[in-house]
Every structure is written in C-alpha cells, then in structure tokens.
Amino acid sequence: MKEARARAAKVDNINNALTLRLRELGGLIRAAGDLAVGENAELITAKHIAGAVERSKSAEEQIKDRYGSYTKGLGTDISSAQKEKSPYYFWNQTKDSMFH
C-alpha cells in the first residue's frame, strides 16, 4: 500500500491516493514474491518489496545510483579510445538532468 501511494505521488502527482498502474505494481509484487520464495518466507514483507523496488530500477538509474551520474558510469567502464569510436559517446552534448 505504501508503494502504491508513493508511486501515485511521484508518477501521477496525486497525494493521498493509490496508483492504478496495476501492470507495474503486479510486476513489483511478483519480483517481491520471488525474493520471498528465495528466502523460504511464508509472506511477502516490506523488506521484500523494498528489495524488488531496488532491483526493478532501469539500467540507467542503477548506473546513476552506483556512480553518481550516467556519464561517470560510462567513463569508468570504457577507455577514452573506445569512447571516441563509440556512436554513443556524447562528449559534445549538453548535460541532461536525467543523467546528471
């Protein structure tokens, strides 16, 4: 319930409500269930939900969490020669708030 409220506030900009994005919540509950089964737990707990939320982040969000920004994450994984040859190397682009 807390996660449904948090998602309603964050994604739908509605306070004191529950989200009806049931596909997303269903996936989250299934992931939490998988974590609970892995621990031989009888019930899904808040700890399992929190673990599922952490695991369900996009690759970009996980890189940002780990390295501080998306570009820092890319910089640690590839060399400067690889960056220059890569079609994904955006050295001349302006900063995008989504990745910084």
Protein backbone atom coordinates (compact mmCIF):
# COMPACT_ATOMS: atom_id res chain seq x y z
CA MET A 1 0.00 0.00 0.00
CA LYS A 2 2.85 2.37 0.85
CA GLU A 3 4.49 1.74 -2.51
CA ALA A 4 1.19 2.29 -4.36
CA ARG A 5 0.80 5.62 -2.54
CA ALA A 6 4.41 6.60 -3.23
CA ARG A 7 4.02 5.83 -6.93
CA ALA A 8 0.76 7.80 -7.12
CA ALA A 9 2.52 10.81 -5.60
CA LYS A 10 5.65 10.51 -7.73
CA VAL A 11 4.33 9.44 -11.12
CA ASP A 12 0.75 10.69 -11.13
CA ASN A 13 1.31 13.80 -8.94
CA ILE A 14 -1.64 12.86 -6.73
CA ASN A 15 -1.25 12.89 -2.95
CA ASN A 16 -3.23 10.66 -0.57
CA ALA A 17 -4.19 8.30 -3.38
CA LEU A 18 -3.29 4.89 -4.75
CA THR A 19 -1.95 4.39 -8.24
CA LEU A 20 -3.89 2.30 -10.71
CA ARG A 21 -0.80 1.38 -12.70
CA LEU A 22 -1.55 -2.24 -11.97
CA ARG A 23 0.84 -3.69 -14.53
CA GLU A 24 3.78 -2.02 -12.78
CA LEU A 25 2.53 -2.96 -9.32
CA GLY A 26 1.90 -6.54 -10.44
CA GLY A 27 5.47 -6.86 -11.69
CA LEU A 28 6.77 -5.40 -8.45
CA ILE A 29 4.72 -7.84 -6.36
CA ARG A 30 5.89 -10.78 -8.49
CA ALA A 31 9.53 -9.70 -8.02
CA ALA A 32 8.96 -9.34 -4.26
CA GLY A 33 7.38 -12.80 -4.26
CA ASP A 34 10.45 -14.22 -5.97
CA LEU A 35 12.64 -12.70 -3.25
CA ALA A 36 10.36 -14.13 -0.55
CA VAL A 37 10.45 -17.60 -2.13
CA GLY A 38 14.23 -17.38 -2.31
CA GLU A 39 14.29 -16.80 1.45
CA ASN A 40 11.67 -19.52 2.13
CA ALA A 41 9.41 -16.86 3.67
CA GLU A 42 5.71 -17.56 4.11
CA LEU A 43 4.65 -13.99 3.32
CA ILE A 44 5.90 -11.07 1.28
CA THR A 45 7.18 -8.42 3.70
CA ALA A 46 8.11 -4.76 3.37
CA LYS A 47 11.74 -5.91 3.10
CA HIS A 48 10.89 -7.96 0.00
CA ILE A 49 9.02 -5.02 -1.55
CA ALA A 50 12.00 -2.72 -0.89
CA GLY A 51 14.35 -5.26 -2.48
CA ALA A 52 12.08 -5.58 -5.50
CA VAL A 53 11.92 -1.79 -5.91
CA GLU A 54 15.72 -1.62 -5.88
CA ARG A 55 16.04 -4.42 -8.44
CA SER A 56 13.35 -3.03 -10.72
CA LYS A 57 15.22 0.19 -11.48
CA SER A 58 16.25 0.78 -15.08
CA ALA A 59 19.86 0.22 -16.09
CA GLU A 60 20.37 3.99 -16.32
CA GLU A 61 19.03 4.51 -12.79
CA GLN A 62 21.24 1.74 -11.43
CA ILE A 63 24.32 3.28 -13.09
CA LYS A 64 23.39 6.71 -11.72
CA ASP A 65 22.95 5.29 -8.20
CA ARG A 66 26.27 3.44 -8.34
CA TYR A 67 28.47 6.11 -9.96
CA GLY A 68 26.67 9.38 -9.20
CA SER A 69 25.84 10.14 -12.83
CA TYR A 70 25.23 8.26 -16.03
CA THR A 71 28.28 9.74 -17.78
CA LYS A 72 30.59 8.91 -14.85
CA GLY A 73 29.37 5.34 -15.03
CA LEU A 74 30.11 5.14 -18.73
CA GLY A 75 33.52 6.70 -18.17
CA THR A 76 34.57 4.03 -15.71
CA ASP A 77 33.67 1.15 -17.96
CA ILE A 78 35.28 2.16 -21.27
CA SER A 79 38.60 3.73 -22.21
CA SER A 80 38.99 7.09 -23.95
CA ALA A 81 39.82 5.37 -27.26
CA GLN A 82 36.65 3.29 -27.01
CA LYS A 83 34.64 6.40 -26.13
CA GLU A 84 35.80 8.28 -29.22
CA LYS A 85 34.91 5.39 -31.53
CA SER A 86 31.59 4.68 -29.85
CA PRO A 87 28.44 6.02 -31.55
CA TYR A 88 27.08 6.55 -28.03
CA TYR A 89 29.85 8.94 -26.95
CA PHE A 90 28.18 12.29 -26.47
CA TRP A 91 31.12 14.44 -25.46
CA ASN A 92 29.73 17.43 -27.34
CA GLN A 93 26.20 17.21 -25.96
CA THR A 94 24.82 19.42 -23.22
CA LYS A 95 24.05 17.95 -19.83
CA ASP A 96 20.71 16.22 -19.49
CA SER A 97 19.22 16.40 -15.98
CA MET A 98 18.01 12.82 -16.31
CA PHE A 99 21.56 11.50 -16.35
CA HIS A 100 23.34 14.02 -14.07
